[in-house]
Amino acid sequence: MSHADVKQAANQLIDELERAIVGKRDVLSLIVTSVLADGHILLEDVPGVAKTAIARAIAEAAGLRFSRVQFTPDLIPADITGASVLTPDSQIKFQPGPVFANLVLGDEINRAPPKTQSALLEAMEERQVTADGVTRALPKPFLVVGTQNPIEQEGTYPLPEAQLDRFLIRTSIGYPGGANEVELILRRATRKTDRQPLNAVMSAEQLVAIQQRVEEVHISHPVAKYVVDIVETTRSSPMTEVGASPRGSLALLKAGRAAAAMAGRSHVLPDDIKAVAIPTLSHRLILQPDQWIRGVKNEQVVQQIVESVPAPVSIEPGDAVQGGVGPQPQAAPPQQYAQPAGQWQPNPQASQGAIAGQAVTWTGEPTAPQTPPQNPGFQDGQGGPQQPPAN
């Protein structure tokens, strides 16, 4: 399988998903990036924006065995991993739980107690479960899509940092635009059923082959150093209490490789890293208390860090630049400033980007805004830094 085949397969998968999910190609592209990188996904958004529908659509379009676990306070670990049961013929037999599937949807994952949440840790990291002293491997591919509602906190158990770190990306869906919502209604009225049937454009075995091909994407030393510079800056930034760990560096590598493969390239460019930095790193940071009080979001801090770290001006010879369908860099919230001394306030008219409801504006005396370094050896869309989005 060539890198051009990976690009074509990614395009076909996204096109099929768009039959069920209207007007969210950028989000679908990011989620497919995580799928091709063999990474777990955390969808955090308000109810009714197709979080569950996206997970089910991915399983259907990719030919994966799908299972759903509705997390509740009375859920126990055996409800997820499975347990040994006594059969009618008095034999003890292991009954696999819903985790033995290719794509597991953990719906409202923060509603289960920590003991149950921790049952997913071994499965997500080691791709195996241990029950009754016996370790059993999970099928390949194995992906977990977790969802949670950020506006309802009563009766919930926030995911610990150790479990959040297991998700390759965290992203939100956002509301559809007016025209897209009209299209959504018209499609539903035409098909006369809630669910949109999808065709399987690949099999589980083909997805595994694509994931293996992604692992062969080359990353040069300058780009690897660029990844480390970004992650190290999250640790040294005065806005963070805890930065990303080495697992964050590896996650950025995996996501960047998948983005490059979706573009049909055999190597990673700095733009690939920029495109996936926010959803890959934002949930791995803990901000200083004063930043939290000011309303600064993790995504804004990562965006500012990415803009402040110089991208490599040159990469290894032979790295030809090609366009593709990979995720585009997420839009920065309006006017990011380094260590402000005033207040952040919500700006309902600001560009929302891919993070719904998180745009803010500065109401105090601004310092000089951060701007990305200019690399004369590159132009937009050809491997160098993108121009900052217009406010």
Protein backbone atom coordinates (compact mmCIF):
# COMPACT_ATOMS: atom_id res chain seq x y z
CA MET A 1 0.00 0.00 0.00
CA SER A 2 1.41 3.37 -1.05
CA HIS A 3 0.98 6.71 0.65
CA ALA A 4 -1.26 7.74 -2.25
CA ASP A 5 -3.49 4.78 -1.38
CA VAL A 6 -3.67 5.98 2.23
CA LYS A 7 -4.73 9.44 1.04
CA GLN A 8 -7.40 7.94 -1.22
CA ALA A 9 -8.73 5.67 1.55
CA ALA A 10 -8.88 8.61 3.98
CA ASN A 11 -10.79 10.68 1.43
CA GLN A 12 -13.27 7.87 0.85
CA LEU A 13 -13.82 7.40 4.57
CA ILE A 14 -14.40 11.12 5.19
CA ASP A 15 -16.75 11.36 2.19
CA GLU A 16 -18.80 8.45 3.50
CA LEU A 17 -18.95 9.95 6.99
CA GLU A 18 -20.25 13.21 5.51
CA ARG A 19 -23.34 11.35 4.34
CA ALA A 20 -24.32 11.09 8.02
CA ILE A 21 -22.58 14.13 9.54
CA VAL A 22 -23.40 17.41 7.80
CA GLY A 23 -21.01 20.37 7.58
CA LYS A 24 -18.24 19.04 9.84
CA ARG A 25 -15.53 17.91 7.42
CA ASP A 26 -12.71 19.56 9.38
CA VAL A 27 -13.76 17.75 12.57
CA LEU A 28 -14.22 14.47 10.72
CA SER A 29 -10.78 14.87 9.15
CA LEU A 30 -9.23 15.35 12.59
CA ILE A 31 -11.04 12.30 13.99
CA VAL A 32 -10.00 10.17 11.01
CA THR A 33 -6.42 11.34 11.64
CA SER A 34 -6.63 9.83 15.12
CA VAL A 35 -8.18 6.62 13.76
CA LEU A 36 -5.36 6.19 11.24
CA ALA A 37 -2.84 6.93 14.00
CA ASP A 38 -4.39 4.13 16.09
CA GLY A 39 -5.27 6.63 18.81
CA HIS A 40 -8.22 6.99 21.16
CA ILE A 41 -10.55 9.98 20.88
CA LEU A 42 -12.31 12.11 23.50
CA LEU A 43 -15.29 14.11 22.24
CA GLU A 44 -16.32 16.82 24.68
CA ASP A 45 -19.37 18.86 23.75
CA VAL A 46 -22.96 19.68 24.61
CA PRO A 47 -25.70 17.08 24.03
CA GLY A 48 -27.17 16.63 20.57
CA VAL A 49 -24.23 17.57 18.34
CA ALA A 50 -23.64 14.04 16.94
CA LYS A 51 -20.89 12.73 19.24
CA THR A 52 -22.44 9.27 19.40
CA ALA A 53 -23.46 9.40 15.74
CA ILE A 54 -19.87 10.08 14.69
CA ALA A 55 -18.55 7.08 16.61
CA ARG A 56 -21.20 4.80 15.16
CA ALA A 57 -20.64 6.18 11.65
CA ILE A 58 -16.88 5.55 11.83
CA ALA A 59 -17.46 1.93 12.85
CA GLU A 60 -19.98 1.41 10.07
CA ALA A 61 -17.94 3.10 7.33
CA ALA A 62 -14.69 1.38 8.34
CA GLY A 63 -16.23 -2.06 8.71
CA LEU A 64 -15.49 -2.30 12.45
CA ARG A 65 -17.27 -4.24 15.15
CA PHE A 66 -18.98 -1.64 17.33
CA SER A 67 -20.05 -1.69 20.97
CA ARG A 68 -21.44 1.02 23.21
CA VAL A 69 -21.19 1.36 26.98
CA GLN A 70 -23.47 3.87 28.68
CA PHE A 71 -21.48 4.92 31.73
CA THR A 72 -23.55 5.27 34.90
CA PRO A 73 -22.69 5.55 38.61
CA ASP A 74 -23.60 1.91 39.24
CA LEU A 75 -21.43 0.50 36.44
CA ILE A 76 -18.76 -1.94 37.64
CA PRO A 77 -15.50 -2.98 35.90
CA ALA A 78 -16.85 -6.43 35.00
CA ASP A 79 -19.61 -4.74 33.00
CA ILE A 80 -16.86 -3.48 30.68
CA THR A 81 -14.19 -6.18 30.65
CA GLY A 82 -16.39 -9.23 31.10
CA ALA A 83 -16.48 -11.94 33.76
CA SER A 84 -16.53 -15.69 34.27
CA VAL A 85 -20.02 -17.16 34.44
CA LEU A 86 -21.44 -20.57 35.26
CA THR A 87 -22.98 -22.21 32.20
CA PRO A 88 -26.07 -24.48 32.31
CA ASP A 89 -23.79 -27.53 32.05
CA SER A 90 -21.93 -26.42 35.22
CA GLN A 91 -18.87 -25.18 33.33
CA ILE A 92 -17.14 -21.90 34.12
CA LYS A 93 -16.81 -19.82 30.98
CA PHE A 94 -15.47 -16.34 30.41
CA GLN A 95 -18.09 -14.03 28.96
CA PRO A 96 -16.32 -11.19 27.09
CA GLY A 97 -17.54 -7.69 27.85
CA PRO A 98 -18.24 -4.88 25.38
CA VAL A 99 -14.58 -3.88 25.40
CA PHE A 100 -13.92 -6.83 23.07
CA ALA A 101 -14.78 -4.87 19.94
CA ASN A 102 -12.92 -2.85 17.33
CA LEU A 103 -14.50 0.47 18.30
CA VAL A 104 -15.85 0.98 21.81
CA LEU A 105 -17.99 4.02 22.55
CA GLY A 106 -17.80 5.11 26.19
CA ASP A 107 -20.82 7.38 26.34
CA GLU A 108 -20.71 10.01 29.13
CA ILE A 109 -17.53 8.42 30.40
CA ASN A 110 -17.28 10.84 33.33
CA ARG A 111 -20.49 9.51 34.94
CA ALA A 112 -18.90 6.25 36.10
CA PRO A 113 -16.87 6.08 39.34
CA PRO A 114 -13.06 6.06 39.14
CA LYS A 115 -12.84 2.30 39.78
CA THR A 116 -14.86 1.64 36.64
CA GLN A 117 -13.05 4.29 34.62
CA SER A 118 -9.75 2.67 35.53
CA ALA A 119 -10.94 -0.59 33.95
CA LEU A 120 -10.38 1.10 30.61
CA LEU A 121 -6.79 2.10 31.38
CA GLU A 122 -5.20 -1.28 30.69
CA ALA A 123 -7.40 -1.78 27.64
CA MET A 124 -6.56 1.63 26.16
CA GLU A 125 -2.82 1.48 26.79
CA GLU A 126 -1.94 -2.22 26.62
CA ARG A 127 -4.73 -3.36 24.25
CA GLN A 128 -5.52 -6.22 26.63
CA VAL A 129 -7.65 -6.94 29.69
CA THR A 130 -6.99 -9.09 32.72
CA ALA A 131 -9.91 -10.91 34.34
CA ASP A 132 -9.74 -13.75 36.88
CA GLY A 133 -5.96 -13.71 36.59
CA VAL A 134 -6.00 -14.35 32.85
CA THR A 135 -4.77 -11.75 30.32
CA ARG A 136 -6.69 -11.63 27.05
CA ALA A 137 -5.67 -9.64 23.99
CA LEU A 138 -8.18 -7.27 22.40
CA PRO A 139 -9.00 -7.43 18.69
CA LYS A 140 -7.16 -5.29 16.14
CA PRO A 141 -7.81 -2.51 15.48
CA PHE A 142 -8.96 -1.35 18.91
CA LEU A 143 -10.19 2.21 19.41
CA VAL A 144 -12.01 3.92 22.26
CA VAL A 145 -14.21 6.95 21.61
CA GLY A 146 -15.16 8.62 24.88
CA THR A 147 -17.76 11.35 25.18
CA GLN A 148 -18.55 13.73 27.99
CA ASN A 149 -20.79 16.72 28.57
CA PRO A 150 -18.81 19.78 29.77
CA ILE A 151 -21.83 21.76 30.97
CA GLU A 152 -23.23 19.24 33.46
CA GLN A 153 -21.05 18.39 36.44
CA GLU A 154 -23.52 17.08 39.03
CA GLY A 155 -23.12 13.37 39.63
CA THR A 156 -19.97 13.13 37.52
CA TYR A 157 -16.42 11.97 38.23
CA PRO A 158 -13.85 14.04 36.30
CA LEU A 159 -11.37 11.91 34.38
CA PRO A 160 -7.98 11.82 36.13
CA GLU A 161 -4.98 13.15 34.24
CA ALA A 162 -3.60 9.62 33.91
CA GLN A 163 -6.66 8.57 31.91
CA LEU A 164 -6.95 11.80 29.91
CA ASP A 165 -3.37 11.21 28.79
CA ARG A 166 -4.44 7.96 27.14
CA PHE A 167 -6.58 9.78 24.60
CA LEU A 168 -4.61 10.81 21.54
CA ILE A 169 -6.85 13.80 20.85
CA ARG A 170 -9.60 15.75 22.54
CA THR A 171 -11.89 17.85 20.42
CA SER A 172 -15.41 19.22 20.21
CA ILE A 173 -18.00 19.14 17.44
CA GLY A 174 -19.73 22.51 17.66
CA TYR A 175 -23.11 23.56 16.34
CA PRO A 176 -23.73 23.38 12.60
CA GLY A 177 -24.09 26.57 10.60
CA GLY A 178 -27.55 27.71 9.59
CA ALA A 179 -27.36 26.36 6.03
CA ASN A 180 -25.93 23.06 7.26
CA GLU A 181 -28.70 22.66 9.80
CA VAL A 182 -31.29 23.25 7.08
CA GLU A 183 -29.55 20.56 5.00
CA LEU A 184 -29.64 18.26 8.03
CA ILE A 185 -33.41 18.69 8.35
CA LEU A 186 -34.02 18.17 4.64
CA ARG A 187 -31.95 14.98 4.58
CA ARG A 188 -33.87 13.59 7.57
CA ALA A 189 -37.20 14.45 5.97
CA THR A 190 -36.18 12.73 2.73
CA ARG A 191 -34.90 9.43 4.14
CA LYS A 192 -37.84 9.06 6.63
CA THR A 193 -35.70 7.44 9.32
CA ASP A 194 -33.35 8.69 12.02
CA ARG A 195 -30.26 6.74 11.05
CA GLN A 196 -28.41 7.23 7.79
CA PRO A 197 -27.19 3.83 6.53
CA LEU A 198 -23.54 3.93 5.46
CA ASN A 199 -21.47 1.68 3.24
CA ALA A 200 -18.28 0.06 4.49
CA VAL A 201 -15.52 1.64 2.38
CA MET A 202 -12.84 -0.52 4.02
CA SER A 203 -12.49 -3.54 6.29
CA ALA A 204 -10.90 -3.88 9.71
CA GLU A 205 -7.95 -5.65 8.09
CA GLN A 206 -7.47 -2.80 5.61
CA LEU A 207 -7.56 -0.26 8.43
CA VAL A 208 -4.82 -2.18 10.25
CA ALA A 209 -2.74 -2.16 7.05
CA ILE A 210 -3.24 1.62 6.76
CA GLN A 211 -2.21 2.11 10.39
CA GLN A 212 0.93 0.09 9.73
CA ARG A 213 1.67 2.23 6.69
CA VAL A 214 1.30 5.38 8.81
CA GLU A 215 4.01 4.01 11.12
CA GLU A 216 6.40 4.06 8.15
CA VAL A 217 6.02 7.82 7.57
CA HIS A 218 9.44 9.44 8.01
CA ILE A 219 10.13 12.24 10.47
CA SER A 220 13.38 14.16 10.08
CA HIS A 221 15.58 15.26 12.94
CA PRO A 222 14.63 18.99 12.58
CA VAL A 223 10.91 18.17 12.73
CA ALA A 224 11.44 15.82 15.68
CA LYS A 225 13.33 18.63 17.43
CA TYR A 226 10.41 20.95 16.61
CA VAL A 227 8.04 18.53 18.36
CA VAL A 228 10.26 18.44 21.44
CA ASP A 229 10.59 22.25 21.48
CA ILE A 230 6.81 22.64 21.53
CA VAL A 231 6.36 20.09 24.32
CA GLU A 232 9.22 21.52 26.39
CA THR A 233 7.69 24.99 26.07
CA THR A 234 4.44 23.66 27.58
CA ARG A 235 6.49 22.67 30.63
CA SER A 236 8.40 25.94 31.00
CA SER A 237 5.54 28.32 30.19
CA PRO A 238 4.58 30.58 33.13
CA MET A 239 0.94 29.91 32.24
CA THR A 240 1.14 26.17 32.99
CA GLU A 241 1.53 24.34 36.27
CA VAL A 242 2.11 20.99 34.55
CA GLY A 243 3.11 20.62 30.91
CA ALA A 244 2.88 17.72 28.48
CA SER A 245 4.84 14.57 29.29
CA PRO A 246 6.97 12.52 26.88
CA ARG A 247 3.76 10.66 26.08
CA GLY A 248 2.55 13.97 24.65
CA SER A 249 5.62 14.12 22.40
CA LEU A 250 4.91 10.62 21.13
CA ALA A 251 1.25 11.49 20.61
CA LEU A 252 2.26 14.50 18.55
CA LEU A 253 4.50 12.22 16.48
CA LYS A 254 1.67 9.73 15.86
CA ALA A 255 -0.86 12.39 14.94
CA GLY A 256 1.64 14.25 12.75
CA ARG A 257 2.49 11.07 10.88
CA ALA A 258 -1.18 10.35 10.23
CA ALA A 259 -1.74 13.91 9.00
CA ALA A 260 1.17 13.54 6.59
CA ALA A 261 -0.12 10.17 5.34
CA MET A 262 -3.56 11.69 4.75
CA ALA A 263 -1.82 14.28 2.61
CA GLY A 264 -0.23 11.51 0.54
CA ARG A 265 3.28 12.23 1.82
CA SER A 266 5.95 9.87 3.13
CA HIS A 267 7.39 12.43 5.56
CA VAL A 268 6.20 14.82 8.26
CA LEU A 269 6.29 18.59 7.75
CA PRO A 270 6.07 21.29 10.44
CA ASP A 271 2.57 22.14 9.21
CA ASP A 272 1.46 18.59 10.06
CA ILE A 273 2.58 19.14 13.64
CA LYS A 274 0.87 22.53 13.82
CA ALA A 275 -2.39 21.08 12.48
CA VAL A 276 -2.69 18.54 15.28
CA ALA A 277 -0.94 20.32 18.18
CA ILE A 278 -4.03 21.79 19.86
CA PRO A 279 -6.22 18.66 20.00
CA THR A 280 -3.20 16.50 20.85
CA LEU A 281 -1.69 18.57 23.67
CA SER A 282 -4.43 20.75 25.20
CA HIS A 283 -5.89 18.05 27.48
CA ARG A 284 -2.42 17.19 28.80
CA LEU A 285 -1.81 20.60 30.43
CA ILE A 286 -2.75 21.92 33.86
CA LEU A 287 -2.88 25.70 33.94
CA GLN A 288 -1.79 27.97 36.75
CA PRO A 289 -4.70 28.95 39.03
CA ASP A 290 -4.51 32.60 37.97
CA GLN A 291 -4.93 31.63 34.32
CA TRP A 292 -7.97 29.54 35.18
CA ILE A 293 -9.48 32.48 37.06
CA ARG A 294 -8.95 34.73 34.03
CA GLY A 295 -10.81 32.26 31.84
CA VAL A 296 -7.81 31.26 29.74
CA LYS A 297 -8.35 27.89 28.04
CA ASN A 298 -5.82 25.13 27.48
CA GLU A 299 -6.35 25.38 23.74
CA GLN A 300 -5.39 29.06 23.79
CA VAL A 301 -2.18 28.32 25.66
CA VAL A 302 -1.17 25.62 23.17
CA GLN A 303 -1.99 27.93 20.25
CA GLN A 304 0.20 30.66 21.72
CA ILE A 305 3.04 28.19 22.31
CA VAL A 306 2.87 26.85 18.75
CA GLU A 307 3.00 30.40 17.39
CA SER A 308 6.00 31.27 19.59
CA VAL A 309 8.17 28.23 18.80
CA PRO A 310 10.15 28.70 15.55
CA ALA A 311 9.50 26.04 12.95
CA PRO A 312 12.53 24.50 11.23
CA VAL A 313 13.51 26.48 8.13
CA SER A 314 14.82 23.43 6.31
CA ILE A 315 14.11 19.74 6.41
CA GLU A 316 16.00 16.83 4.96
CA PRO A 317 16.75 16.82 1.20
CA GLY A 318 14.20 15.12 -0.99
CA ASP A 319 11.20 16.11 1.13
CA ALA A 320 8.97 17.26 -1.69
CA VAL A 321 5.91 19.20 -0.59
CA GLN A 322 2.46 17.95 -1.54
CA GLY A 323 -1.04 19.03 -0.62
CA GLY A 324 -3.58 16.74 0.97
CA VAL A 325 -6.76 16.23 2.93
CA GLY A 326 -5.30 16.14 6.41
CA PRO A 327 -6.60 18.33 9.23
CA GLN A 328 -5.97 22.05 8.91
CA PRO A 329 -4.44 24.07 11.77
CA GLN A 330 -7.23 25.07 14.11
CA ALA A 331 -8.05 28.76 14.23
CA ALA A 332 -6.54 30.71 17.09
CA PRO A 333 -8.84 32.56 19.47
CA PRO A 334 -8.74 36.30 18.83
CA GLN A 335 -5.72 38.26 20.12
CA GLN A 336 -3.54 36.01 22.24
CA TYR A 337 -1.17 37.88 24.56
CA ALA A 338 1.75 36.65 26.63
CA GLN A 339 1.14 36.82 30.39
CA PRO A 340 -1.57 39.53 30.44
CA ALA A 341 -2.18 41.54 33.58
CA GLY A 342 -5.91 42.18 33.17
CA GLN A 343 -8.98 40.03 32.44
CA TRP A 344 -10.22 37.65 29.80
CA GLN A 345 -13.91 37.99 28.96
CA PRO A 346 -16.14 35.97 26.63
CA ASN A 347 -16.58 37.45 23.18
CA PRO A 348 -19.73 35.98 21.58
CA GLN A 349 -18.86 37.54 18.22
CA ALA A 350 -15.34 36.14 18.08
CA SER A 351 -14.40 33.32 15.74
CA GLN A 352 -15.14 30.01 17.44
CA GLY A 353 -12.79 27.86 15.32
CA ALA A 354 -13.00 24.17 16.14
CA ILE A 355 -13.41 24.77 19.88
CA ALA A 356 -17.00 25.82 20.43
CA GLY A 357 -17.67 28.52 22.98
CA GLN A 358 -14.04 29.18 23.92
CA ALA A 359 -13.26 32.42 22.13
CA VAL A 360 -12.31 35.30 24.44
CA THR A 361 -11.07 38.85 24.08
CA TRP A 362 -8.78 41.01 26.18
CA THR A 363 -10.34 43.89 28.08
CA GLY A 364 -7.24 45.29 29.80
CA GLU A 365 -4.19 47.08 28.46
CA PRO A 366 -2.73 44.69 25.85
CA THR A 367 0.89 43.83 25.43
CA ALA A 368 2.35 43.01 22.03
CA PRO A 369 0.49 40.03 20.47
CA GLN A 370 2.37 36.86 19.69
CA THR A 371 2.99 36.35 15.97
CA PRO A 372 4.42 33.26 14.34
CA PRO A 373 8.01 33.51 13.08
CA GLN A 374 8.41 34.10 9.38
CA ASN A 375 10.45 31.49 7.53
CA PRO A 376 11.49 32.78 4.11
CA GLY A 377 12.11 29.27 2.83
CA PHE A 378 8.42 28.37 2.89
CA GLN A 379 5.11 29.72 1.70
CA ASP A 380 1.63 29.01 3.00
CA GLY A 381 0.52 25.54 2.00
CA GLN A 382 4.11 24.50 1.12
CA GLY A 383 5.45 23.30 4.43
CA GLY A 384 6.01 26.53 6.36
CA PRO A 385 4.01 28.32 9.01
CA GLN A 386 0.52 29.40 8.11
CA GLN A 387 -0.39 33.04 8.39
CA PRO A 388 -2.37 33.70 11.60
CA PRO A 389 -6.13 33.60 10.99
CA ALA A 390 -7.95 36.89 10.64
CA ASN A 391 -9.95 38.02 13.66
